[in-house]
Every structure is written in C-alpha cells, then in structure tokens.
N, C-alpha and C. Protein backbone atom coordinates (compact mmCIF):
# COMPACT_ATOMS: atom_id res chain seq x y z
N MET A 1 -4.91 -7.69 19.86
CA MET A 1 -5.40 -7.34 18.52
C MET A 1 -4.26 -7.46 17.51
N GLU A 2 -4.53 -8.12 16.40
CA GLU A 2 -3.51 -8.35 15.39
C GLU A 2 -3.69 -7.41 14.19
N PHE A 3 -2.56 -6.99 13.62
CA PHE A 3 -2.56 -6.14 12.44
C PHE A 3 -1.64 -6.74 11.39
N TYR A 4 -1.93 -6.41 10.13
CA TYR A 4 -1.19 -7.03 9.03
C TYR A 4 -0.81 -6.01 7.96
N VAL A 5 0.37 -6.19 7.40
CA VAL A 5 0.83 -5.35 6.29
C VAL A 5 0.44 -6.03 4.98
N ILE A 6 -0.17 -5.26 4.10
CA ILE A 6 -0.61 -5.79 2.81
C ILE A 6 0.30 -5.25 1.70
N LYS A 7 0.87 -6.16 0.93
CA LYS A 7 1.68 -5.78 -0.22
C LYS A 7 1.26 -6.66 -1.40
N GLN A 8 1.65 -6.27 -2.60
CA GLN A 8 1.36 -7.13 -3.73
C GLN A 8 2.43 -8.21 -3.82
N THR A 9 2.14 -9.27 -4.56
CA THR A 9 3.02 -10.43 -4.58
C THR A 9 4.21 -10.29 -5.52
N TYR A 10 4.11 -9.40 -6.50
CA TYR A 10 5.17 -9.24 -7.51
C TYR A 10 5.40 -10.54 -8.28
N GLU A 11 4.32 -11.32 -8.46
CA GLU A 11 4.41 -12.51 -9.29
C GLU A 11 4.14 -12.10 -10.74
N ASP A 12 3.55 -12.99 -11.54
CA ASP A 12 3.40 -12.69 -12.96
C ASP A 12 2.07 -12.02 -13.31
N TYR A 13 1.49 -11.31 -12.35
CA TYR A 13 0.25 -10.57 -12.64
C TYR A 13 0.57 -9.34 -13.49
N ALA A 14 -0.47 -8.81 -14.13
CA ALA A 14 -0.31 -7.58 -14.89
C ALA A 14 0.14 -6.45 -13.96
N LYS A 15 0.70 -5.41 -14.52
CA LYS A 15 1.18 -4.28 -13.73
C LYS A 15 0.49 -3.00 -14.17
N THR A 16 0.23 -2.12 -13.22
CA THR A 16 -0.32 -0.81 -13.54
C THR A 16 0.84 0.13 -13.89
N ILE A 17 0.71 0.79 -15.03
CA ILE A 17 1.76 1.69 -15.52
C ILE A 17 1.17 3.10 -15.64
N PRO A 18 1.78 4.11 -15.01
CA PRO A 18 1.25 5.47 -15.11
C PRO A 18 1.46 6.04 -16.51
N ILE A 19 0.52 6.88 -16.95
CA ILE A 19 0.63 7.47 -18.28
C ILE A 19 -0.01 8.86 -18.29
N ASP A 20 0.73 9.84 -18.77
CA ASP A 20 0.23 11.21 -18.96
C ASP A 20 -0.33 11.84 -17.69
N ASN A 21 0.29 11.55 -16.54
CA ASN A 21 -0.18 12.15 -15.29
C ASN A 21 0.49 13.50 -15.06
N THR A 22 -0.24 14.39 -14.39
CA THR A 22 0.33 15.65 -13.93
C THR A 22 0.81 15.44 -12.50
N THR A 23 2.03 15.86 -12.20
CA THR A 23 2.58 15.63 -10.86
C THR A 23 3.03 16.95 -10.23
N GLU A 24 3.17 16.91 -8.92
CA GLU A 24 3.75 18.03 -8.19
C GLU A 24 4.80 17.48 -7.23
N LYS A 25 5.86 18.24 -7.03
CA LYS A 25 6.98 17.78 -6.21
C LYS A 25 7.10 18.64 -4.95
N GLU A 26 7.31 17.97 -3.81
CA GLU A 26 7.56 18.65 -2.55
C GLU A 26 8.93 18.23 -2.04
N ILE A 27 9.75 19.21 -1.64
CA ILE A 27 11.08 18.92 -1.11
C ILE A 27 11.18 19.46 0.31
N CYS A 28 11.55 18.60 1.24
CA CYS A 28 11.68 19.01 2.64
C CYS A 28 12.94 19.87 2.80
N TYR A 29 12.79 21.04 3.40
CA TYR A 29 13.95 21.93 3.56
C TYR A 29 14.92 21.42 4.62
N GLU A 30 14.48 20.49 5.45
CA GLU A 30 15.34 19.96 6.52
C GLU A 30 16.18 18.78 6.05
N CYS A 31 15.53 17.74 5.54
CA CYS A 31 16.25 16.52 5.15
C CYS A 31 16.43 16.37 3.64
N GLU A 32 15.81 17.29 2.88
CA GLU A 32 15.87 17.28 1.42
C GLU A 32 15.19 16.05 0.81
N GLY A 33 14.33 15.42 1.59
CA GLY A 33 13.54 14.31 1.06
C GLY A 33 12.57 14.82 0.01
N ILE A 34 12.35 14.03 -1.03
CA ILE A 34 11.49 14.44 -2.15
C ILE A 34 10.21 13.60 -2.17
N MET A 35 9.08 14.27 -2.28
CA MET A 35 7.80 13.59 -2.41
C MET A 35 7.15 14.04 -3.72
N VAL A 36 6.89 13.09 -4.61
CA VAL A 36 6.23 13.38 -5.88
C VAL A 36 4.80 12.86 -5.81
N LYS A 37 3.84 13.74 -6.03
CA LYS A 37 2.43 13.35 -5.95
C LYS A 37 1.77 13.50 -7.31
N ILE A 38 0.89 12.55 -7.61
CA ILE A 38 0.10 12.61 -8.84
C ILE A 38 -1.16 13.41 -8.56
N ILE A 39 -1.48 14.32 -9.47
CA ILE A 39 -2.73 15.07 -9.37
C ILE A 39 -3.85 14.15 -9.84
N ARG A 40 -4.78 13.84 -8.95
CA ARG A 40 -5.85 12.90 -9.29
C ARG A 40 -6.82 13.51 -10.30
N PRO A 41 -7.50 12.62 -11.09
CA PRO A 41 -7.47 11.16 -11.02
C PRO A 41 -6.21 10.57 -11.65
N ILE A 42 -5.80 9.42 -11.13
CA ILE A 42 -4.63 8.71 -11.65
C ILE A 42 -4.94 8.17 -13.04
N LYS A 43 -4.00 8.35 -13.94
CA LYS A 43 -4.14 7.82 -15.30
C LYS A 43 -3.14 6.68 -15.48
N PHE A 44 -3.61 5.58 -16.02
CA PHE A 44 -2.74 4.40 -16.12
C PHE A 44 -3.23 3.43 -17.18
N TYR A 45 -2.42 2.41 -17.43
CA TYR A 45 -2.85 1.28 -18.26
C TYR A 45 -2.26 0.02 -17.66
N LEU A 46 -2.73 -1.14 -18.12
CA LEU A 46 -2.21 -2.41 -17.63
C LEU A 46 -1.21 -2.99 -18.63
N LYS A 47 -0.09 -3.47 -18.10
CA LYS A 47 0.90 -4.17 -18.91
C LYS A 47 0.91 -5.63 -18.46
N GLY A 48 0.62 -6.54 -19.36
CA GLY A 48 0.47 -7.95 -18.99
C GLY A 48 -0.99 -8.33 -19.00
N SER A 49 -1.26 -9.61 -19.13
CA SER A 49 -2.65 -10.04 -19.31
C SER A 49 -3.23 -10.83 -18.15
N LYS A 50 -2.44 -11.12 -17.11
CA LYS A 50 -2.96 -11.87 -15.98
C LYS A 50 -3.62 -10.92 -14.99
N GLN A 51 -4.94 -11.03 -14.86
CA GLN A 51 -5.72 -10.11 -14.04
C GLN A 51 -5.53 -10.34 -12.55
N ALA A 52 -5.61 -9.26 -11.79
CA ALA A 52 -5.50 -9.33 -10.33
C ALA A 52 -6.60 -8.47 -9.71
N ASP A 53 -6.67 -8.51 -8.39
CA ASP A 53 -7.63 -7.67 -7.66
C ASP A 53 -6.96 -6.48 -7.00
N TYR A 54 -5.64 -6.53 -6.89
CA TYR A 54 -4.90 -5.49 -6.16
C TYR A 54 -3.60 -5.19 -6.89
N TYR A 55 -3.40 -3.90 -7.17
CA TYR A 55 -2.17 -3.46 -7.85
C TYR A 55 -1.55 -2.31 -7.07
N ASN A 56 -0.24 -2.38 -6.86
CA ASN A 56 0.46 -1.31 -6.13
C ASN A 56 1.77 -0.95 -6.83
N ASN A 57 1.75 -0.98 -8.17
CA ASN A 57 2.96 -0.67 -8.93
C ASN A 57 3.24 0.83 -8.98
N ILE A 58 2.17 1.64 -8.92
CA ILE A 58 2.34 3.10 -8.93
C ILE A 58 2.39 3.56 -7.48
N VAL A 59 3.52 3.36 -6.84
CA VAL A 59 3.67 3.65 -5.42
C VAL A 59 3.51 5.15 -5.16
N PRO A 60 2.71 5.54 -4.13
CA PRO A 60 2.05 4.72 -3.13
C PRO A 60 0.59 4.40 -3.47
N TYR A 61 0.18 4.65 -4.70
CA TYR A 61 -1.23 4.53 -5.07
C TYR A 61 -1.63 3.08 -5.32
N LYS A 62 -2.88 2.76 -4.96
CA LYS A 62 -3.38 1.40 -5.10
C LYS A 62 -4.57 1.37 -6.06
N ILE A 63 -4.54 0.44 -6.98
CA ILE A 63 -5.64 0.24 -7.92
C ILE A 63 -6.27 -1.12 -7.62
N VAL A 64 -7.60 -1.14 -7.52
CA VAL A 64 -8.28 -2.39 -7.15
C VAL A 64 -9.42 -2.72 -8.11
N SER A 65 -9.72 -4.01 -8.17
CA SER A 65 -10.79 -4.48 -9.06
C SER A 65 -12.16 -4.17 -8.48
N ASP A 66 -13.16 -4.28 -9.34
CA ASP A 66 -14.54 -4.07 -8.90
C ASP A 66 -14.92 -5.09 -7.83
N ARG A 67 -14.42 -6.31 -7.95
CA ARG A 67 -14.72 -7.36 -6.96
C ARG A 67 -14.21 -6.97 -5.58
N PHE A 68 -12.99 -6.48 -5.51
CA PHE A 68 -12.42 -6.06 -4.23
C PHE A 68 -13.19 -4.87 -3.68
N GLN A 69 -13.55 -3.94 -4.54
CA GLN A 69 -14.32 -2.77 -4.12
C GLN A 69 -15.63 -3.18 -3.46
N ARG A 70 -16.34 -4.13 -4.09
CA ARG A 70 -17.63 -4.57 -3.55
C ARG A 70 -17.48 -5.22 -2.18
N LEU A 71 -16.42 -5.99 -2.00
CA LEU A 71 -16.19 -6.63 -0.70
C LEU A 71 -15.94 -5.59 0.40
N LEU A 72 -15.15 -4.58 0.08
CA LEU A 72 -14.88 -3.53 1.06
C LEU A 72 -16.16 -2.81 1.46
N LYS A 73 -17.02 -2.56 0.49
CA LYS A 73 -18.28 -1.87 0.77
C LYS A 73 -19.26 -2.76 1.53
N GLU A 74 -19.34 -4.03 1.13
CA GLU A 74 -20.27 -4.96 1.78
C GLU A 74 -19.96 -5.13 3.27
N HIS A 75 -18.69 -5.09 3.62
CA HIS A 75 -18.29 -5.28 5.01
C HIS A 75 -18.15 -3.97 5.78
N ASN A 76 -18.44 -2.86 5.09
CA ASN A 76 -18.39 -1.53 5.74
C ASN A 76 -17.06 -1.27 6.46
N PHE A 77 -15.97 -1.65 5.81
CA PHE A 77 -14.66 -1.41 6.42
C PHE A 77 -14.36 0.08 6.45
N LEU A 78 -13.76 0.51 7.55
CA LEU A 78 -13.48 1.93 7.77
C LEU A 78 -12.05 2.29 7.33
N GLY A 79 -11.88 3.55 6.93
CA GLY A 79 -10.54 4.05 6.63
C GLY A 79 -10.20 4.15 5.16
N CYS A 80 -11.17 3.85 4.28
CA CYS A 80 -10.87 3.90 2.86
C CYS A 80 -12.06 4.39 2.05
N GLU A 81 -11.79 4.81 0.84
CA GLU A 81 -12.85 5.13 -0.11
C GLU A 81 -12.35 4.84 -1.52
N ILE A 82 -13.29 4.70 -2.42
CA ILE A 82 -12.95 4.40 -3.81
C ILE A 82 -13.02 5.68 -4.63
N LEU A 83 -11.93 5.97 -5.35
CA LEU A 83 -11.86 7.16 -6.19
C LEU A 83 -11.77 6.75 -7.66
N ASP A 84 -12.29 7.61 -8.51
CA ASP A 84 -12.19 7.35 -9.95
C ASP A 84 -10.74 7.35 -10.40
N ALA A 85 -10.46 6.54 -11.38
CA ALA A 85 -9.14 6.50 -12.02
C ALA A 85 -9.40 6.36 -13.51
N LYS A 86 -8.50 6.87 -14.32
CA LYS A 86 -8.69 6.84 -15.77
C LYS A 86 -7.74 5.83 -16.40
N ILE A 87 -8.32 4.79 -16.97
CA ILE A 87 -7.50 3.77 -17.61
C ILE A 87 -7.47 3.99 -19.12
N ASN A 88 -6.30 3.90 -19.69
CA ASN A 88 -6.12 4.05 -21.13
C ASN A 88 -6.34 2.68 -21.78
N LEU A 89 -7.55 2.45 -22.26
CA LEU A 89 -7.91 1.13 -22.80
C LEU A 89 -7.09 0.76 -24.03
N GLU A 90 -6.72 1.74 -24.83
CA GLU A 90 -5.97 1.46 -26.06
C GLU A 90 -4.59 0.87 -25.77
N SER A 91 -4.04 1.18 -24.60
CA SER A 91 -2.70 0.69 -24.26
C SER A 91 -2.74 -0.65 -23.53
N CYS A 92 -3.93 -1.14 -23.19
CA CYS A 92 -4.07 -2.40 -22.45
C CYS A 92 -4.13 -3.59 -23.40
N PRO A 93 -3.74 -4.77 -22.93
CA PRO A 93 -3.81 -5.98 -23.76
C PRO A 93 -5.24 -6.26 -24.20
N SER A 94 -5.42 -6.61 -25.46
CA SER A 94 -6.76 -6.87 -26.00
C SER A 94 -7.40 -8.10 -25.38
N LYS A 95 -6.58 -8.97 -24.75
CA LYS A 95 -7.11 -10.19 -24.14
C LYS A 95 -7.96 -9.90 -22.91
N ILE A 96 -7.72 -8.76 -22.26
CA ILE A 96 -8.42 -8.45 -21.01
C ILE A 96 -9.79 -7.84 -21.31
N ASN A 97 -10.80 -8.35 -20.62
CA ASN A 97 -12.17 -7.88 -20.78
C ASN A 97 -12.28 -6.40 -20.46
N SER A 98 -12.93 -5.63 -21.34
CA SER A 98 -13.03 -4.18 -21.14
C SER A 98 -13.86 -3.83 -19.90
N GLU A 99 -14.84 -4.67 -19.57
CA GLU A 99 -15.66 -4.42 -18.38
C GLU A 99 -14.80 -4.48 -17.11
N TYR A 100 -13.89 -5.45 -17.08
CA TYR A 100 -12.96 -5.56 -15.94
C TYR A 100 -12.08 -4.32 -15.88
N LEU A 101 -11.54 -3.90 -17.01
CA LEU A 101 -10.64 -2.75 -17.05
C LEU A 101 -11.34 -1.48 -16.59
N GLU A 102 -12.55 -1.27 -17.06
CA GLU A 102 -13.28 -0.05 -16.71
C GLU A 102 -13.71 -0.04 -15.25
N GLY A 103 -13.70 -1.22 -14.62
CA GLY A 103 -14.08 -1.30 -13.21
C GLY A 103 -12.93 -1.01 -12.26
N LEU A 104 -11.71 -0.91 -12.77
CA LEU A 104 -10.55 -0.64 -11.92
C LEU A 104 -10.58 0.80 -11.40
N LYS A 105 -10.45 0.96 -10.08
CA LYS A 105 -10.49 2.27 -9.44
C LYS A 105 -9.35 2.39 -8.43
N GLU A 106 -9.15 3.60 -7.93
CA GLU A 106 -8.14 3.81 -6.90
C GLU A 106 -8.71 3.52 -5.52
N LEU A 107 -7.97 2.77 -4.72
CA LEU A 107 -8.31 2.56 -3.32
C LEU A 107 -7.56 3.62 -2.52
N TYR A 108 -8.30 4.62 -2.04
CA TYR A 108 -7.69 5.72 -1.29
C TYR A 108 -7.79 5.43 0.20
N ILE A 109 -6.68 5.54 0.90
CA ILE A 109 -6.62 5.23 2.33
C ILE A 109 -6.50 6.52 3.13
N PHE A 110 -7.46 6.76 4.03
CA PHE A 110 -7.37 7.94 4.89
C PHE A 110 -7.25 7.58 6.37
N GLY A 111 -7.35 6.30 6.71
CA GLY A 111 -7.14 5.88 8.09
C GLY A 111 -5.69 6.10 8.50
N ARG A 112 -5.45 6.45 9.77
CA ARG A 112 -4.09 6.74 10.23
C ARG A 112 -3.82 6.13 11.60
N ALA A 113 -2.51 5.95 11.90
CA ALA A 113 -2.12 5.32 13.18
C ALA A 113 -0.85 5.91 13.77
N GLY A 114 -0.64 7.22 13.64
CA GLY A 114 0.54 7.82 14.26
C GLY A 114 1.82 7.48 13.52
N LEU A 115 2.96 7.74 14.17
CA LEU A 115 4.27 7.52 13.55
C LEU A 115 4.69 6.05 13.60
N VAL A 116 5.53 5.66 12.64
CA VAL A 116 6.02 4.28 12.58
C VAL A 116 6.81 3.95 13.84
N GLN A 117 6.50 2.80 14.44
CA GLN A 117 7.24 2.37 15.63
C GLN A 117 7.62 0.90 15.49
N ASP A 118 8.71 0.52 16.16
CA ASP A 118 9.20 -0.85 16.05
C ASP A 118 8.36 -1.79 16.90
N SER A 119 8.75 -3.06 16.93
CA SER A 119 7.97 -4.08 17.63
C SER A 119 7.90 -3.86 19.13
N GLU A 120 8.81 -3.05 19.66
CA GLU A 120 8.82 -2.76 21.10
C GLU A 120 8.14 -1.44 21.43
N GLY A 121 7.56 -0.81 20.41
CA GLY A 121 6.83 0.43 20.64
C GLY A 121 7.67 1.70 20.57
N LYS A 122 8.91 1.58 20.11
CA LYS A 122 9.79 2.75 20.00
C LYS A 122 9.60 3.39 18.62
N ILE A 123 9.32 4.69 18.60
CA ILE A 123 9.15 5.40 17.34
C ILE A 123 10.47 5.47 16.59
N LEU A 124 10.44 5.11 15.30
CA LEU A 124 11.67 5.12 14.51
C LEU A 124 12.15 6.55 14.29
N GLU A 125 13.47 6.70 14.31
CA GLU A 125 14.08 8.02 14.08
C GLU A 125 13.61 8.58 12.74
N HIS A 126 13.27 9.86 12.73
CA HIS A 126 12.71 10.46 11.52
C HIS A 126 13.04 11.95 11.45
N CYS A 127 12.82 12.54 10.28
CA CYS A 127 13.03 13.97 10.09
C CYS A 127 12.05 14.74 10.97
N PRO A 128 12.50 15.76 11.71
CA PRO A 128 11.61 16.51 12.59
C PRO A 128 10.59 17.37 11.84
N VAL A 129 10.81 17.58 10.56
CA VAL A 129 9.90 18.43 9.78
C VAL A 129 8.89 17.61 8.99
N CYS A 130 9.39 16.75 8.07
CA CYS A 130 8.47 15.98 7.22
C CYS A 130 8.20 14.58 7.76
N HIS A 131 8.96 14.17 8.78
CA HIS A 131 8.81 12.87 9.44
C HIS A 131 9.29 11.69 8.59
N ARG A 132 9.99 11.98 7.51
CA ARG A 132 10.54 10.91 6.66
C ARG A 132 11.55 10.09 7.45
N ILE A 133 11.50 8.76 7.25
CA ILE A 133 12.42 7.85 7.93
C ILE A 133 13.57 7.50 6.99
N PRO A 134 14.83 7.72 7.38
CA PRO A 134 15.96 7.36 6.51
C PRO A 134 15.97 5.86 6.22
N PRO A 135 16.34 5.47 5.00
CA PRO A 135 16.40 4.05 4.65
C PRO A 135 17.23 3.22 5.62
N SER A 136 18.33 3.78 6.11
CA SER A 136 19.20 3.02 7.03
C SER A 136 18.48 2.69 8.33
N ILE A 137 17.59 3.58 8.77
CA ILE A 137 16.81 3.33 9.99
C ILE A 137 15.76 2.27 9.72
N LYS A 138 15.11 2.35 8.57
CA LYS A 138 14.11 1.34 8.20
C LYS A 138 14.74 -0.05 8.16
N ASP A 139 15.95 -0.13 7.62
CA ASP A 139 16.61 -1.42 7.47
C ASP A 139 16.86 -2.11 8.81
N GLU A 140 16.98 -1.33 9.86
CA GLU A 140 17.28 -1.90 11.17
C GLU A 140 16.04 -2.41 11.90
N ALA A 141 14.87 -2.00 11.43
CA ALA A 141 13.62 -2.37 12.12
C ALA A 141 13.22 -3.80 11.80
N LEU A 142 13.17 -4.63 12.82
CA LEU A 142 12.73 -6.02 12.66
C LEU A 142 11.40 -6.18 13.37
N GLY A 143 10.32 -5.95 12.64
CA GLY A 143 8.99 -5.99 13.24
C GLY A 143 8.51 -4.60 13.61
N LEU A 144 7.19 -4.38 13.46
CA LEU A 144 6.58 -3.11 13.81
C LEU A 144 5.42 -3.35 14.77
N SER A 145 4.85 -2.27 15.29
CA SER A 145 3.70 -2.39 16.19
C SER A 145 2.83 -1.15 16.04
N ILE A 146 1.61 -1.25 16.55
CA ILE A 146 0.65 -0.15 16.47
C ILE A 146 0.40 0.43 17.86
N ASN A 147 0.48 1.74 17.96
CA ASN A 147 0.11 2.43 19.20
C ASN A 147 -1.40 2.64 19.16
N LEU A 148 -2.12 1.92 19.99
CA LEU A 148 -3.58 1.99 19.97
C LEU A 148 -4.10 3.37 20.36
N GLN A 149 -3.26 4.18 21.01
CA GLN A 149 -3.67 5.52 21.40
C GLN A 149 -3.68 6.49 20.21
N THR A 150 -2.83 6.23 19.22
CA THR A 150 -2.77 7.12 18.05
C THR A 150 -3.48 6.53 16.84
N TRP A 151 -3.86 5.27 16.90
CA TRP A 151 -4.62 4.62 15.83
C TRP A 151 -6.05 5.14 15.87
N ASP A 152 -6.60 5.51 14.73
CA ASP A 152 -7.95 6.09 14.69
C ASP A 152 -9.07 5.05 14.62
N GLY A 153 -8.73 3.77 14.69
CA GLY A 153 -9.75 2.72 14.70
C GLY A 153 -10.15 2.22 13.32
N SER A 154 -9.50 2.71 12.28
CA SER A 154 -9.83 2.30 10.91
C SER A 154 -9.43 0.85 10.66
N ASP A 155 -10.13 0.22 9.72
CA ASP A 155 -9.79 -1.16 9.33
C ASP A 155 -8.65 -1.20 8.32
N LEU A 156 -8.53 -0.15 7.53
CA LEU A 156 -7.43 0.00 6.58
C LEU A 156 -6.77 1.35 6.86
N PHE A 157 -5.46 1.37 7.02
CA PHE A 157 -4.82 2.62 7.42
C PHE A 157 -3.33 2.62 7.10
N TYR A 158 -2.74 3.81 7.22
CA TYR A 158 -1.30 4.01 7.08
C TYR A 158 -0.75 4.57 8.39
N PHE A 159 0.54 4.34 8.64
CA PHE A 159 1.23 5.17 9.62
C PHE A 159 1.28 6.57 8.99
N SER A 160 1.27 7.61 9.81
CA SER A 160 1.25 8.97 9.27
C SER A 160 2.52 9.32 8.50
N ASN A 161 3.63 8.63 8.77
CA ASN A 161 4.87 8.90 8.03
C ASN A 161 5.31 7.69 7.18
N TRP A 162 4.36 6.88 6.78
CA TRP A 162 4.64 5.81 5.82
C TRP A 162 3.44 5.68 4.89
N GLU A 163 3.25 6.70 4.08
CA GLU A 163 2.13 6.69 3.14
C GLU A 163 2.40 5.63 2.08
N GLY A 164 1.43 4.76 1.89
CA GLY A 164 1.59 3.67 0.94
C GLY A 164 1.77 2.32 1.60
N GLY A 165 2.16 2.33 2.88
CA GLY A 165 2.32 1.08 3.62
C GLY A 165 0.98 0.66 4.21
N LEU A 166 0.23 -0.12 3.46
CA LEU A 166 -1.13 -0.47 3.87
C LEU A 166 -1.15 -1.48 5.01
N ILE A 167 -1.86 -1.11 6.07
CA ILE A 167 -2.03 -1.98 7.24
C ILE A 167 -3.52 -2.24 7.41
N VAL A 168 -3.87 -3.46 7.76
CA VAL A 168 -5.29 -3.80 7.93
C VAL A 168 -5.50 -4.57 9.24
N THR A 169 -6.76 -4.56 9.67
CA THR A 169 -7.13 -5.32 10.85
C THR A 169 -7.32 -6.79 10.47
N GLU A 170 -7.50 -7.62 11.48
CA GLU A 170 -7.69 -9.05 11.22
C GLU A 170 -8.97 -9.31 10.44
N LYS A 171 -9.99 -8.47 10.64
CA LYS A 171 -11.25 -8.64 9.90
C LYS A 171 -11.01 -8.53 8.40
N VAL A 172 -10.24 -7.54 8.01
CA VAL A 172 -9.95 -7.34 6.58
C VAL A 172 -9.09 -8.49 6.07
N LYS A 173 -8.09 -8.87 6.84
CA LYS A 173 -7.21 -9.98 6.45
C LYS A 173 -8.02 -11.25 6.20
N ASP A 174 -8.97 -11.53 7.07
CA ASP A 174 -9.78 -12.74 6.93
C ASP A 174 -10.61 -12.72 5.65
N VAL A 175 -11.18 -11.57 5.33
CA VAL A 175 -11.99 -11.45 4.11
C VAL A 175 -11.11 -11.64 2.87
N ILE A 176 -9.94 -11.03 2.88
CA ILE A 176 -9.01 -11.17 1.75
C ILE A 176 -8.66 -12.64 1.51
N GLU A 177 -8.42 -13.36 2.60
CA GLU A 177 -8.06 -14.78 2.48
C GLU A 177 -9.26 -15.63 2.07
N GLU A 178 -10.42 -15.39 2.69
CA GLU A 178 -11.62 -16.18 2.39
C GLU A 178 -12.08 -16.00 0.95
N GLU A 179 -11.97 -14.77 0.46
CA GLU A 179 -12.45 -14.47 -0.89
C GLU A 179 -11.36 -14.65 -1.95
N LYS A 180 -10.17 -15.04 -1.49
CA LYS A 180 -9.05 -15.29 -2.40
C LYS A 180 -8.76 -14.09 -3.33
N ILE A 181 -8.59 -12.93 -2.69
CA ILE A 181 -8.23 -11.73 -3.43
C ILE A 181 -6.85 -11.94 -4.06
N LEU A 182 -6.74 -11.67 -5.34
CA LEU A 182 -5.53 -11.99 -6.10
C LEU A 182 -4.46 -10.90 -6.03
N ASN A 183 -3.22 -11.34 -5.95
CA ASN A 183 -2.03 -10.48 -5.94
C ASN A 183 -1.84 -9.77 -4.60
N VAL A 184 -2.13 -10.46 -3.53
CA VAL A 184 -1.98 -9.89 -2.19
C VAL A 184 -1.06 -10.76 -1.34
N ASN A 185 -0.09 -10.14 -0.72
CA ASN A 185 0.80 -10.81 0.24
C ASN A 185 0.51 -10.24 1.62
N ILE A 186 0.29 -11.11 2.59
CA ILE A 186 -0.09 -10.68 3.94
C ILE A 186 1.00 -11.05 4.94
N THR A 187 1.44 -10.08 5.74
CA THR A 187 2.46 -10.31 6.76
C THR A 187 2.01 -9.71 8.08
N ASN A 188 2.07 -10.50 9.14
CA ASN A 188 1.77 -9.94 10.46
C ASN A 188 2.74 -8.81 10.72
N ILE A 189 2.23 -7.70 11.22
CA ILE A 189 3.07 -6.51 11.40
C ILE A 189 4.25 -6.78 12.35
N LYS A 190 4.08 -7.74 13.25
CA LYS A 190 5.16 -8.10 14.18
C LYS A 190 6.36 -8.70 13.44
N ASP A 191 6.09 -9.30 12.28
CA ASP A 191 7.14 -9.98 11.52
C ASP A 191 7.62 -9.17 10.32
N PHE A 192 7.05 -7.99 10.13
CA PHE A 192 7.37 -7.22 8.93
C PHE A 192 8.76 -6.58 9.00
N VAL A 193 9.47 -6.63 7.88
CA VAL A 193 10.75 -5.92 7.75
C VAL A 193 10.71 -5.13 6.44
N PHE A 194 11.31 -3.96 6.44
CA PHE A 194 11.36 -3.15 5.22
C PHE A 194 12.31 -3.75 4.20
N ASN A 195 13.38 -4.36 4.68
CA ASN A 195 14.40 -4.91 3.79
C ASN A 195 14.55 -6.41 4.08
N SER A 196 13.79 -7.23 3.36
CA SER A 196 13.81 -8.67 3.61
C SER A 196 15.15 -9.30 3.23
N LEU A 197 15.82 -8.74 2.22
CA LEU A 197 17.13 -9.27 1.82
C LEU A 197 18.15 -9.07 2.93
N LEU A 198 18.13 -7.89 3.56
CA LEU A 198 19.06 -7.61 4.65
C LEU A 198 18.80 -8.54 5.83
N LYS A 199 17.54 -8.84 6.08
CA LYS A 199 17.18 -9.75 7.17
C LYS A 199 17.78 -11.14 6.92
N LYS A 200 17.69 -11.60 5.68
CA LYS A 200 18.25 -12.92 5.34
C LYS A 200 19.76 -12.93 5.52
N LEU A 201 20.42 -11.85 5.12
CA LEU A 201 21.87 -11.77 5.25
C LEU A 201 22.30 -11.79 6.72
N LYS A 202 21.53 -11.11 7.57
CA LYS A 202 21.85 -11.08 8.99
C LYS A 202 21.69 -12.46 9.61
N LYS A 203 20.66 -13.20 9.16
CA LYS A 203 20.44 -14.55 9.66
C LYS A 203 21.60 -15.47 9.27
N ASN A 204 22.08 -15.29 8.05
CA ASN A 204 23.18 -16.13 7.57
C ASN A 204 24.49 -15.86 8.30
N ASP A 205 24.63 -14.63 8.82
CA ASP A 205 25.85 -14.26 9.54
C ASP A 205 25.91 -14.87 10.94
N LYS A 206 24.74 -15.27 11.45
CA LYS A 206 24.71 -15.79 12.82
C LYS A 206 25.22 -17.23 12.88
C-alpha cells in the first residue's frame, strides 16, 4: 500500500493570509515547544490573483476550493470534513470572482496514524510529553513510513505528532492528479524529507 505527502507548490498562486484571528498558545513544560492555535472559524483573505484549489499558507490549516470539496465528498474519502471559514472579501483582489472566494472553506483533518516513523519503521525521537520532534531529528529522516497497526484507515490523515503534514492514500492521490487539482505537490512518503535543501547538500558531499 502506497501513501503520499501532500504539500502546496509555492509557485505563483495566490496566498491565504490570516486576519483578525483569535489565538491561544500552549507551551510544553518539558521541551518548551510552543503551539499557537487559531480559534475557529479561521479568518483570512487572498493575496494575489492566481486561483488555486489548495492553500496551506496558514500552517497547519488548509483552505480548499469548492471544486476540491465536491471531489472529496463525491468519493466519500475518510478522515476529513469541511469547516466554515470567514474570508475578508474587501481585502481580496477585485479580479477574483466573489463566488469562488465565498466557496473557500477549511479542510479539517481528523484521520490519524500514530507517531512519525522513518522509512525503516523506527519512531523518530520526540518529547515524551507533547511528542514534538526536534528540527535536528527531522533533518536526519530520509523517507517516512506508516505503521498500519496505528493507522486508523483514513484516506486523509496526519501523524499524531505532525499536525499539518497531510498524508493521503493512493486513491486520493489518483483523484488529485486526474482532476488536476491546482497548487498541489505530491511526494511518495518513502521519498519524503523534511529538509530538502539539506538532502541536496548531503548528496553533493558524496
């Protein structure tokens, strides 16, 4: 069974920009890691005029087009739901159709697959309390894998200690490719690295 990491392309598509959100901060007493959460619904606007189907600029939150939403519902994919989001139309480019803008919603992911593990099935070192993975540990991971025993069977899901890292099944990947969903980069989880620049540097050293 194949799994894929979904990220946005960071090309010249419009970007989602947060505006006037209420947030809450959590600090781990063990590792002092900080987690800032937006109190839903997410409030945002678009900067730029090139429309996309998938936006992940407000990490870890995902905003998706009405077209992408309909595809997810039509195929009955498990592990996600669509939540309302509030877009500030006055701050968006006038070139973009208001119907498209009003159709943008949050893609909320509730599917889970246990703790992050490398390509050999070894769980990455993490904080014993909040399970946060230090950046230096992430940088060393060349490829990831899914423990089928801790995966809940969802089509769209996160590792429990990597919120925002969207992983999908091959069924979802195929639909994204067939329907040409815009602003999506797909990587087989076996080939995924957190720090692509570091990977290139290591290759050059060999």
